[in-house]
All heavy atoms as atom14 arrays in JSON, in Angstrom:
{
  "sequence": "AARTPLLAGADTLCFVDIDSMLRRVYGKQKQGIGFGHAKVGGYNV",
  "atom14_mask": [
    [1, 1, 1, 1, 1, 0, 0, 0, 0, 0, 0, 0, 0, 0],
    [1, 1, 1, 1, 1, 0, 0, 0, 0, 0, 0, 0, 0, 0],
    [1, 1, 1, 1, 1, 1, 1, 1, 1, 1, 1, 0, 0, 0],
    [1, 1, 1, 1, 1, 1, 1, 0, 0, 0, 0, 0, 0, 0],
    [1, 1, 1, 1, 1, 1, 1, 0, 0, 0, 0, 0, 0, 0],
    [1, 1, 1, 1, 1, 1, 1, 1, 0, 0, 0, 0, 0, 0],
    [1, 1, 1, 1, 1, 1, 1, 1, 0, 0, 0, 0, 0, 0],
    [1, 1, 1, 1, 1, 0, 0, 0, 0, 0, 0, 0, 0, 0],
    [1, 1, 1, 1, 0, 0, 0, 0, 0, 0, 0, 0, 0, 0],
    [1, 1, 1, 1, 1, 0, 0, 0, 0, 0, 0, 0, 0, 0],
    [1, 1, 1, 1, 1, 1, 1, 1, 0, 0, 0, 0, 0, 0],
    [1, 1, 1, 1, 1, 1, 1, 0, 0, 0, 0, 0, 0, 0],
    [1, 1, 1, 1, 1, 1, 1, 1, 0, 0, 0, 0, 0, 0],
    [1, 1, 1, 1, 1, 1, 0, 0, 0, 0, 0, 0, 0, 0],
    [1, 1, 1, 1, 1, 1, 1, 1, 1, 1, 1, 0, 0, 0],
    [1, 1, 1, 1, 1, 1, 1, 0, 0, 0, 0, 0, 0, 0],
    [1, 1, 1, 1, 1, 1, 1, 1, 0, 0, 0, 0, 0, 0],
    [1, 1, 1, 1, 1, 1, 1, 1, 0, 0, 0, 0, 0, 0],
    [1, 1, 1, 1, 1, 1, 1, 1, 0, 0, 0, 0, 0, 0],
    [1, 1, 1, 1, 1, 1, 0, 0, 0, 0, 0, 0, 0, 0],
    [1, 1, 1, 1, 1, 1, 1, 1, 0, 0, 0, 0, 0, 0],
    [1, 1, 1, 1, 1, 1, 1, 1, 0, 0, 0, 0, 0, 0],
    [1, 1, 1, 1, 1, 1, 1, 1, 1, 1, 1, 0, 0, 0],
    [1, 1, 1, 1, 1, 1, 1, 1, 1, 1, 1, 0, 0, 0],
    [1, 1, 1, 1, 1, 1, 1, 0, 0, 0, 0, 0, 0, 0],
    [1, 1, 1, 1, 1, 1, 1, 1, 1, 1, 1, 1, 0, 0],
    [1, 1, 1, 1, 0, 0, 0, 0, 0, 0, 0, 0, 0, 0],
    [1, 1, 1, 1, 1, 1, 1, 1, 1, 0, 0, 0, 0, 0],
    [1, 1, 1, 1, 1, 1, 1, 1, 1, 0, 0, 0, 0, 0],
    [1, 1, 1, 1, 1, 1, 1, 1, 1, 0, 0, 0, 0, 0],
    [1, 1, 1, 1, 1, 1, 1, 1, 1, 0, 0, 0, 0, 0],
    [1, 1, 1, 1, 0, 0, 0, 0, 0, 0, 0, 0, 0, 0],
    [1, 1, 1, 1, 1, 1, 1, 1, 0, 0, 0, 0, 0, 0],
    [1, 1, 1, 1, 0, 0, 0, 0, 0, 0, 0, 0, 0, 0],
    [1, 1, 1, 1, 1, 1, 1, 1, 1, 1, 1, 0, 0, 0],
    [1, 1, 1, 1, 0, 0, 0, 0, 0, 0, 0, 0, 0, 0],
    [1, 1, 1, 1, 1, 1, 1, 1, 1, 1, 0, 0, 0, 0],
    [1, 1, 1, 1, 1, 0, 0, 0, 0, 0, 0, 0, 0, 0],
    [1, 1, 1, 1, 1, 1, 1, 1, 1, 0, 0, 0, 0, 0],
    [1, 1, 1, 1, 1, 1, 1, 0, 0, 0, 0, 0, 0, 0],
    [1, 1, 1, 1, 0, 0, 0, 0, 0, 0, 0, 0, 0, 0],
    [1, 1, 1, 1, 0, 0, 0, 0, 0, 0, 0, 0, 0, 0],
    [1, 1, 1, 1, 1, 1, 1, 1, 1, 1, 1, 1, 0, 0],
    [1, 1, 1, 1, 1, 1, 1, 1, 0, 0, 0, 0, 0, 0],
    [1, 1, 1, 1, 1, 1, 1, 0, 0, 0, 0, 0, 0, 0]
  ],
  "atom14_positions": [
    [[16.74, 1.56, -12.3], [17.78, 1.88, -11.32], [19.15, 1.99, -11.98], [20.0, 2.77, -11.55], [17.81, 0.82, -10.23], [0.0, 0.0, 0.0], [0.0, 0.0, 0.0], [0.0, 0.0, 0.0], [0.0, 0.0, 0.0], [0.0, 0.0, 0.0], [0.0, 0.0, 0.0], [0.0, 0.0, 0.0], [0.0, 0.0, 0.0], [0.0, 0.0, 0.0]],
    [[19.37, 1.21, -13.05], [20.64, 1.29, -13.78], [20.7, 2.51, -14.68], [21.78, 3.05, -14.93], [20.85, 0.01, -14.6], [0.0, 0.0, 0.0], [0.0, 0.0, 0.0], [0.0, 0.0, 0.0], [0.0, 0.0, 0.0], [0.0, 0.0, 0.0], [0.0, 0.0, 0.0], [0.0, 0.0, 0.0], [0.0, 0.0, 0.0], [0.0, 0.0, 0.0]],
    [[19.53, 2.95, -15.17], [19.47, 4.06, -16.12], [19.4, 5.42, -15.44], [19.86, 6.42, -15.98], [18.24, 3.85, -17.02], [17.93, 4.98, -18.01], [18.98, 5.08, -19.08], [18.7, 6.17, -19.99], [18.96, 7.44, -19.75], [19.53, 7.79, -18.61], [18.69, 8.37, -20.66], [0.0, 0.0, 0.0], [0.0, 0.0, 0.0], [0.0, 0.0, 0.0]],
    [[18.81, 5.49, -14.23], [18.61, 6.76, -13.53], [19.07, 6.62, -12.07], [19.18, 5.51, -11.56], [17.12, 7.16, -13.55], [16.37, 6.2, -12.78], [16.59, 7.19, -14.98], [0.0, 0.0, 0.0], [0.0, 0.0, 0.0], [0.0, 0.0, 0.0], [0.0, 0.0, 0.0], [0.0, 0.0, 0.0], [0.0, 0.0, 0.0], [0.0, 0.0, 0.0]],
    [[19.3, 7.73, -11.37], [19.67, 7.67, -9.94], [18.46, 7.42, -9.05], [18.23, 8.13, -8.08], [20.3, 9.05, -9.7], [19.62, 9.95, -10.66], [19.36, 9.12, -11.9], [0.0, 0.0, 0.0], [0.0, 0.0, 0.0], [0.0, 0.0, 0.0], [0.0, 0.0, 0.0], [0.0, 0.0, 0.0], [0.0, 0.0, 0.0], [0.0, 0.0, 0.0]],
    [[17.69, 6.4, -9.39], [16.44, 6.12, -8.69], [16.68, 5.7, -7.25], [15.86, 5.97, -6.37], [15.68, 5.03, -9.45], [14.18, 4.9, -9.23], [13.47, 6.17, -9.64], [13.64, 3.72, -10.02], [0.0, 0.0, 0.0], [0.0, 0.0, 0.0], [0.0, 0.0, 0.0], [0.0, 0.0, 0.0], [0.0, 0.0, 0.0], [0.0, 0.0, 0.0]],
    [[17.8, 5.01, -7.01], [18.15, 4.55, -5.66], [19.58, 4.97, -5.33], [20.41, 4.14, -4.92], [17.98, 3.03, -5.57], [16.54, 2.51, -5.6], [16.51, 1.0, -5.73], [15.77, 2.96, -4.37], [0.0, 0.0, 0.0], [0.0, 0.0, 0.0], [0.0, 0.0, 0.0], [0.0, 0.0, 0.0], [0.0, 0.0, 0.0], [0.0, 0.0, 0.0]],
    [[19.86, 6.24, -5.5], [21.19, 6.76, -5.2], [21.51, 6.53, -3.72], [20.7, 6.82, -2.85], [21.26, 8.24, -5.54], [0.0, 0.0, 0.0], [0.0, 0.0, 0.0], [0.0, 0.0, 0.0], [0.0, 0.0, 0.0], [0.0, 0.0, 0.0], [0.0, 0.0, 0.0], [0.0, 0.0, 0.0], [0.0, 0.0, 0.0], [0.0, 0.0, 0.0]],
    [[22.69, 6.02, -3.46], [23.09, 5.75, -2.09], [22.74, 4.36, -1.6], [23.0, 4.02, -0.44], [0.0, 0.0, 0.0], [0.0, 0.0, 0.0], [0.0, 0.0, 0.0], [0.0, 0.0, 0.0], [0.0, 0.0, 0.0], [0.0, 0.0, 0.0], [0.0, 0.0, 0.0], [0.0, 0.0, 0.0], [0.0, 0.0, 0.0], [0.0, 0.0, 0.0]],
    [[22.15, 3.53, -2.47], [21.78, 2.18, -2.06], [23.0, 1.31, -1.78], [22.87, 0.28, -1.11], [20.91, 1.52, -3.13], [0.0, 0.0, 0.0], [0.0, 0.0, 0.0], [0.0, 0.0, 0.0], [0.0, 0.0, 0.0], [0.0, 0.0, 0.0], [0.0, 0.0, 0.0], [0.0, 0.0, 0.0], [0.0, 0.0, 0.0], [0.0, 0.0, 0.0]],
    [[24.15, 1.71, -2.28], [25.36, 0.94, -1.98], [25.81, 1.15, -0.54], [26.71, 0.43, -0.07], [26.48, 1.33, -2.95], [26.76, 2.83, -2.95], [25.89, 3.58, -2.48], [27.83, 3.23, -3.42], [0.0, 0.0, 0.0], [0.0, 0.0, 0.0], [0.0, 0.0, 0.0], [0.0, 0.0, 0.0], [0.0, 0.0, 0.0], [0.0, 0.0, 0.0]],
    [[25.2, 2.09, 0.15], [25.52, 2.33, 1.57], [24.37, 1.92, 2.48], [24.57, 1.17, 3.43], [25.84, 3.82, 1.8], [26.93, 4.21, 0.97], [26.19, 4.07, 3.26], [0.0, 0.0, 0.0], [0.0, 0.0, 0.0], [0.0, 0.0, 0.0], [0.0, 0.0, 0.0], [0.0, 0.0, 0.0], [0.0, 0.0, 0.0], [0.0, 0.0, 0.0]],
    [[23.16, 2.4, 2.19], [22.01, 2.1, 3.03], [20.74, 2.11, 2.19], [20.52, 3.02, 1.39], [21.89, 3.14, 4.16], [20.68, 3.02, 5.1], [20.69, 1.68, 5.82], [20.66, 4.18, 6.09], [0.0, 0.0, 0.0], [0.0, 0.0, 0.0], [0.0, 0.0, 0.0], [0.0, 0.0, 0.0], [0.0, 0.0, 0.0], [0.0, 0.0, 0.0]],
    [[19.92, 1.1, 2.36], [18.65, 1.0, 1.63], [17.56, 0.54, 2.6], [17.79, -0.33, 3.45], [18.77, 0.01, 0.47], [17.26, -0.18, -0.52], [0.0, 0.0, 0.0], [0.0, 0.0, 0.0], [0.0, 0.0, 0.0], [0.0, 0.0, 0.0], [0.0, 0.0, 0.0], [0.0, 0.0, 0.0], [0.0, 0.0, 0.0], [0.0, 0.0, 0.0]],
    [[16.39, 1.14, 2.48], [15.26, 0.79, 3.34], [14.22, 0.01, 2.55], [13.87, 0.39, 1.41], [14.61, 2.04, 3.92], [15.51, 2.82, 4.84], [15.99, 4.07, 4.47], [15.88, 2.31, 6.07], [16.81, 4.79, 5.3], [16.72, 3.02, 6.92], [17.19, 4.26, 6.54], [0.0, 0.0, 0.0], [0.0, 0.0, 0.0], [0.0, 0.0, 0.0]],
    [[13.71, -1.05, 3.14], [12.59, -1.81, 2.6], [11.4, -1.55, 3.52], [11.46, -1.87, 4.71], [12.88, -3.32, 2.53], [11.62, -4.08, 2.13], [14.01, -3.6, 1.55], [0.0, 0.0, 0.0], [0.0, 0.0, 0.0], [0.0, 0.0, 0.0], [0.0, 0.0, 0.0], [0.0, 0.0, 0.0], [0.0, 0.0, 0.0], [0.0, 0.0, 0.0]],
    [[10.35, -0.94, 2.99], [9.15, -0.65, 3.77], [8.0, -1.48, 3.23], [7.84, -1.61, 2.01], [8.8, 0.83, 3.7], [9.83, 1.71, 4.38], [9.96, 1.61, 5.61], [10.51, 2.47, 3.68], [0.0, 0.0, 0.0], [0.0, 0.0, 0.0], [0.0, 0.0, 0.0], [0.0, 0.0, 0.0], [0.0, 0.0, 0.0], [0.0, 0.0, 0.0]],
    [[7.19, -2.0, 4.12], [6.04, -2.81, 3.71], [4.82, -2.35, 4.48], [4.9, -2.04, 5.68], [6.31, -4.32, 3.92], [5.17, -5.15, 3.35], [6.57, -4.64, 5.39], [5.49, -6.63, 3.26], [0.0, 0.0, 0.0], [0.0, 0.0, 0.0], [0.0, 0.0, 0.0], [0.0, 0.0, 0.0], [0.0, 0.0, 0.0], [0.0, 0.0, 0.0]],
    [[3.68, -2.29, 3.79], [2.45, -1.86, 4.44], [1.27, -2.31, 3.59], [1.41, -2.58, 2.39], [2.43, -0.33, 4.6], [1.37, 0.13, 5.6], [0.87, -0.73, 6.36], [1.05, 1.33, 5.62], [0.0, 0.0, 0.0], [0.0, 0.0, 0.0], [0.0, 0.0, 0.0], [0.0, 0.0, 0.0], [0.0, 0.0, 0.0], [0.0, 0.0, 0.0]],
    [[0.11, -2.39, 4.21], [-1.12, -2.74, 3.5], [-2.06, -1.55, 3.53], [-1.91, -0.64, 4.36], [-1.79, -3.96, 4.15], [-2.14, -3.67, 5.5], [0.0, 0.0, 0.0], [0.0, 0.0, 0.0], [0.0, 0.0, 0.0], [0.0, 0.0, 0.0], [0.0, 0.0, 0.0], [0.0, 0.0, 0.0], [0.0, 0.0, 0.0], [0.0, 0.0, 0.0]],
    [[-3.02, -1.57, 2.64], [-4.03, -0.51, 2.62], [-5.34, -1.1, 2.12], [-5.34, -2.05, 1.32], [-3.6, 0.65, 1.7], [-3.34, 0.25, 0.27], [-2.97, 1.68, -0.78], [-2.3, 0.88, -2.24], [0.0, 0.0, 0.0], [0.0, 0.0, 0.0], [0.0, 0.0, 0.0], [0.0, 0.0, 0.0], [0.0, 0.0, 0.0], [0.0, 0.0, 0.0]],
    [[-6.45, -0.59, 2.62], [-7.75, -1.07, 2.2], [-8.28, -0.18, 1.08], [-8.38, 1.03, 1.25], [-8.73, -1.06, 3.38], [-10.12, -1.62, 3.06], [-10.05, -3.11, 2.81], [-11.1, -1.33, 4.2], [0.0, 0.0, 0.0], [0.0, 0.0, 0.0], [0.0, 0.0, 0.0], [0.0, 0.0, 0.0], [0.0, 0.0, 0.0], [0.0, 0.0, 0.0]],
    [[-8.6, -0.78, -0.06], [-9.19, -0.04, -1.17], [-10.65, -0.43, -1.29], [-10.98, -1.57, -1.61], [-8.46, -0.33, -2.5], [-7.06, 0.19, -2.55], [-6.96, 1.7, -2.31], [-7.74, 2.46, -3.27], [-8.61, 3.4, -2.92], [-8.83, 3.69, -1.65], [-9.26, 4.06, -3.84], [0.0, 0.0, 0.0], [0.0, 0.0, 0.0], [0.0, 0.0, 0.0]],
    [[-11.49, 0.52, -1.0], [-12.93, 0.25, -0.98], [-13.48, 0.07, -2.39], [-13.09, 0.81, -3.32], [-13.66, 1.4, -0.29], [-15.13, 1.15, -0.06], [-15.77, 2.31, 0.68], [-17.13, 2.01, 1.06], [-17.91, 2.85, 1.73], [-17.45, 4.05, 2.09], [-19.16, 2.51, 2.05], [0.0, 0.0, 0.0], [0.0, 0.0, 0.0], [0.0, 0.0, 0.0]],
    [[-14.38, -0.89, -2.58], [-15.09, -1.08, -3.85], [-16.58, -1.17, -3.53], [-16.97, -1.47, -2.4], [-14.62, -2.35, -4.6], [-13.14, -2.27, -4.92], [-14.89, -3.61, -3.79], [0.0, 0.0, 0.0], [0.0, 0.0, 0.0], [0.0, 0.0, 0.0], [0.0, 0.0, 0.0], [0.0, 0.0, 0.0], [0.0, 0.0, 0.0], [0.0, 0.0, 0.0]],
    [[-17.38, -0.93, -4.53], [-18.83, -0.89, -4.33], [-19.55, -2.02, -5.06], [-20.69, -2.31, -4.75], [-19.38, 0.46, -4.79], [-18.83, 1.62, -3.99], [-17.67, 2.28, -4.4], [-19.44, 2.03, -2.81], [-17.16, 3.33, -3.65], [-18.94, 3.08, -2.06], [-17.79, 3.73, -2.49], [-17.28, 4.76, -1.74], [0.0, 0.0, 0.0], [0.0, 0.0, 0.0]],
    [[-18.89, -2.65, -6.02], [-19.51, -3.75, -6.73], [-19.53, -5.02, -5.89], [-18.48, -5.56, -5.55], [0.0, 0.0, 0.0], [0.0, 0.0, 0.0], [0.0, 0.0, 0.0], [0.0, 0.0, 0.0], [0.0, 0.0, 0.0], [0.0, 0.0, 0.0], [0.0, 0.0, 0.0], [0.0, 0.0, 0.0], [0.0, 0.0, 0.0], [0.0, 0.0, 0.0]],
    [[-20.71, -5.5, -5.54], [-20.82, -6.67, -4.67], [-20.47, -7.97, -5.39], [-20.26, -9.0, -4.75], [-22.25, -6.76, -4.1], [-22.63, -5.57, -3.23], [-24.03, -5.73, -2.67], [-24.4, -4.54, -1.81], [-25.78, -4.67, -1.25], [0.0, 0.0, 0.0], [0.0, 0.0, 0.0], [0.0, 0.0, 0.0], [0.0, 0.0, 0.0], [0.0, 0.0, 0.0]],
    [[-20.38, -7.94, -6.71], [-20.08, -9.15, -7.48], [-18.6, -9.3, -7.8], [-18.21, -10.25, -8.46], [-20.89, -9.15, -8.78], [-22.4, -9.06, -8.58], [-22.94, -10.2, -7.73], [-22.55, -11.34, -7.9], [-23.86, -9.88, -6.82], [0.0, 0.0, 0.0], [0.0, 0.0, 0.0], [0.0, 0.0, 0.0], [0.0, 0.0, 0.0], [0.0, 0.0, 0.0]],
    [[-17.79, -8.37, -7.37], [-16.36, -8.46, -7.64], [-15.75, -9.67, -6.93], [-16.07, -9.94, -5.77], [-15.63, -7.19, -7.19], [-15.81, -6.0, -8.11], [-15.08, -4.78, -7.55], [-15.19, -3.59, -8.49], [-14.29, -3.7, -9.62], [0.0, 0.0, 0.0], [0.0, 0.0, 0.0], [0.0, 0.0, 0.0], [0.0, 0.0, 0.0], [0.0, 0.0, 0.0]],
    [[-14.86, -10.36, -7.63], [-14.23, -11.54, -7.03], [-13.26, -11.12, -5.92], [-12.52, -10.15, -6.06], [-13.45, -12.32, -8.09], [-14.31, -13.01, -9.12], [-13.47, -13.76, -10.13], [-12.27, -13.6, -10.21], [-14.14, -14.61, -10.92], [0.0, 0.0, 0.0], [0.0, 0.0, 0.0], [0.0, 0.0, 0.0], [0.0, 0.0, 0.0], [0.0, 0.0, 0.0]],
    [[-13.27, -11.88, -4.82], [-12.25, -11.72, -3.79], [-12.46, -10.56, -2.84], [-11.58, -10.29, -2.03], [0.0, 0.0, 0.0], [0.0, 0.0, 0.0], [0.0, 0.0, 0.0], [0.0, 0.0, 0.0], [0.0, 0.0, 0.0], [0.0, 0.0, 0.0], [0.0, 0.0, 0.0], [0.0, 0.0, 0.0], [0.0, 0.0, 0.0], [0.0, 0.0, 0.0]],
    [[-13.59, -9.88, -2.9], [-13.77, -8.75, -1.98], [-14.14, -9.27, -0.6], [-14.62, -10.4, -0.44], [-14.85, -7.77, -2.49], [-16.2, -8.49, -2.64], [-14.43, -7.13, -3.78], [-17.34, -7.56, -2.97], [0.0, 0.0, 0.0], [0.0, 0.0, 0.0], [0.0, 0.0, 0.0], [0.0, 0.0, 0.0], [0.0, 0.0, 0.0], [0.0, 0.0, 0.0]],
    [[-13.91, -8.46, 0.42], [-14.26, -8.82, 1.78], [-14.27, -7.56, 2.63], [-13.78, -6.51, 2.22], [0.0, 0.0, 0.0], [0.0, 0.0, 0.0], [0.0, 0.0, 0.0], [0.0, 0.0, 0.0], [0.0, 0.0, 0.0], [0.0, 0.0, 0.0], [0.0, 0.0, 0.0], [0.0, 0.0, 0.0], [0.0, 0.0, 0.0], [0.0, 0.0, 0.0]],
    [[-14.84, -7.66, 3.81], [-14.91, -6.52, 4.71], [-13.62, -6.44, 5.52], [-13.26, -7.39, 6.22], [-16.12, -6.63, 5.63], [-17.41, -6.24, 4.97], [-18.2, -7.19, 4.35], [-17.81, -4.91, 4.93], [-19.38, -6.83, 3.72], [-18.98, -4.54, 4.29], [-19.77, -5.51, 3.69], [0.0, 0.0, 0.0], [0.0, 0.0, 0.0], [0.0, 0.0, 0.0]],
    [[-12.95, -5.31, 5.42], [-11.71, -5.09, 6.14], [-11.79, -3.85, 7.01], [-12.64, -2.97, 6.82], [0.0, 0.0, 0.0], [0.0, 0.0, 0.0], [0.0, 0.0, 0.0], [0.0, 0.0, 0.0], [0.0, 0.0, 0.0], [0.0, 0.0, 0.0], [0.0, 0.0, 0.0], [0.0, 0.0, 0.0], [0.0, 0.0, 0.0], [0.0, 0.0, 0.0]],
    [[-10.87, -3.78, 7.96], [-10.84, -2.66, 8.91], [-10.14, -1.46, 8.31], [-9.12, -1.59, 7.64], [-10.12, -3.1, 10.19], [-9.85, -1.98, 11.15], [-8.66, -1.27, 11.15], [-10.62, -1.43, 12.11], [-8.72, -0.36, 12.09], [-9.88, -0.43, 12.69], [0.0, 0.0, 0.0], [0.0, 0.0, 0.0], [0.0, 0.0, 0.0], [0.0, 0.0, 0.0]],
    [[-10.69, -0.29, 8.54], [-10.08, 0.97, 8.09], [-10.45, 2.06, 9.08], [-11.38, 1.92, 9.88], [-10.53, 1.34, 6.68], [0.0, 0.0, 0.0], [0.0, 0.0, 0.0], [0.0, 0.0, 0.0], [0.0, 0.0, 0.0], [0.0, 0.0, 0.0], [0.0, 0.0, 0.0], [0.0, 0.0, 0.0], [0.0, 0.0, 0.0], [0.0, 0.0, 0.0]],
    [[-9.7, 3.16, 9.01], [-9.99, 4.32, 9.86], [-10.36, 5.48, 8.96], [-9.57, 5.91, 8.12], [-8.79, 4.66, 10.73], [-9.03, 5.81, 11.7], [-7.88, 5.99, 12.68], [-7.89, 4.93, 13.74], [-6.91, 5.21, 14.82], [0.0, 0.0, 0.0], [0.0, 0.0, 0.0], [0.0, 0.0, 0.0], [0.0, 0.0, 0.0], [0.0, 0.0, 0.0]],
    [[-11.56, 5.99, 9.11], [-12.07, 7.09, 8.3], [-12.5, 8.21, 9.23], [-13.39, 8.03, 10.08], [-13.26, 6.65, 7.42], [-13.79, 7.83, 6.62], [-12.85, 5.52, 6.5], [0.0, 0.0, 0.0], [0.0, 0.0, 0.0], [0.0, 0.0, 0.0], [0.0, 0.0, 0.0], [0.0, 0.0, 0.0], [0.0, 0.0, 0.0], [0.0, 0.0, 0.0]],
    [[-11.85, 9.37, 9.09], [-12.2, 10.51, 9.94], [-11.96, 10.25, 11.41], [-12.66, 10.82, 12.25], [0.0, 0.0, 0.0], [0.0, 0.0, 0.0], [0.0, 0.0, 0.0], [0.0, 0.0, 0.0], [0.0, 0.0, 0.0], [0.0, 0.0, 0.0], [0.0, 0.0, 0.0], [0.0, 0.0, 0.0], [0.0, 0.0, 0.0], [0.0, 0.0, 0.0]],
    [[-10.97, 9.39, 11.72], [-10.68, 9.08, 13.11], [-11.53, 7.97, 13.7], [-11.35, 7.61, 14.87], [0.0, 0.0, 0.0], [0.0, 0.0, 0.0], [0.0, 0.0, 0.0], [0.0, 0.0, 0.0], [0.0, 0.0, 0.0], [0.0, 0.0, 0.0], [0.0, 0.0, 0.0], [0.0, 0.0, 0.0], [0.0, 0.0, 0.0], [0.0, 0.0, 0.0]],
    [[-12.46, 7.4, 12.91], [-13.33, 6.35, 13.4], [-12.93, 5.01, 12.78], [-12.56, 4.94, 11.6], [-14.8, 6.65, 13.05], [-15.34, 7.89, 13.71], [-15.33, 9.11, 13.05], [-15.86, 7.83, 15.0], [-15.84, 10.26, 13.66], [-16.36, 8.98, 15.62], [-16.34, 10.18, 14.94], [-16.83, 11.3, 15.55], [0.0, 0.0, 0.0], [0.0, 0.0, 0.0]],
    [[-13.03, 3.94, 13.55], [-12.77, 2.6, 13.05], [-14.02, 2.07, 12.37], [-15.09, 2.0, 13.0], [-12.36, 1.67, 14.2], [-11.02, 2.05, 14.8], [-10.12, 2.46, 14.07], [-10.89, 1.92, 16.11], [0.0, 0.0, 0.0], [0.0, 0.0, 0.0], [0.0, 0.0, 0.0], [0.0, 0.0, 0.0], [0.0, 0.0, 0.0], [0.0, 0.0, 0.0]],
    [[-13.89, 1.71, 11.11], [-15.04, 1.23, 10.34], [-14.63, -0.03, 9.56], [-13.44, -0.32, 9.4], [-15.54, 2.31, 9.35], [-16.06, 3.52, 10.09], [-14.44, 2.72, 8.38], [0.0, 0.0, 0.0], [0.0, 0.0, 0.0], [0.0, 0.0, 0.0], [0.0, 0.0, 0.0], [0.0, 0.0, 0.0], [0.0, 0.0, 0.0], [0.0, 0.0, 0.0]]
  ]
}
C-alpha cells in the first residue's frame, strides 16, 4: 500500500468486507474437514 496506489482514496473512505466460502475437498482423511452448506446450480446441498 505504501509502494503502490493499492488503496487510493483510503484517507477518505475505506470498505472492509467479510465473507465465507465453502471449498470442497474429496480426501476423507484430510484434517478438519466437515460437511457445510453450499448452493450449486440453484440447489442447496
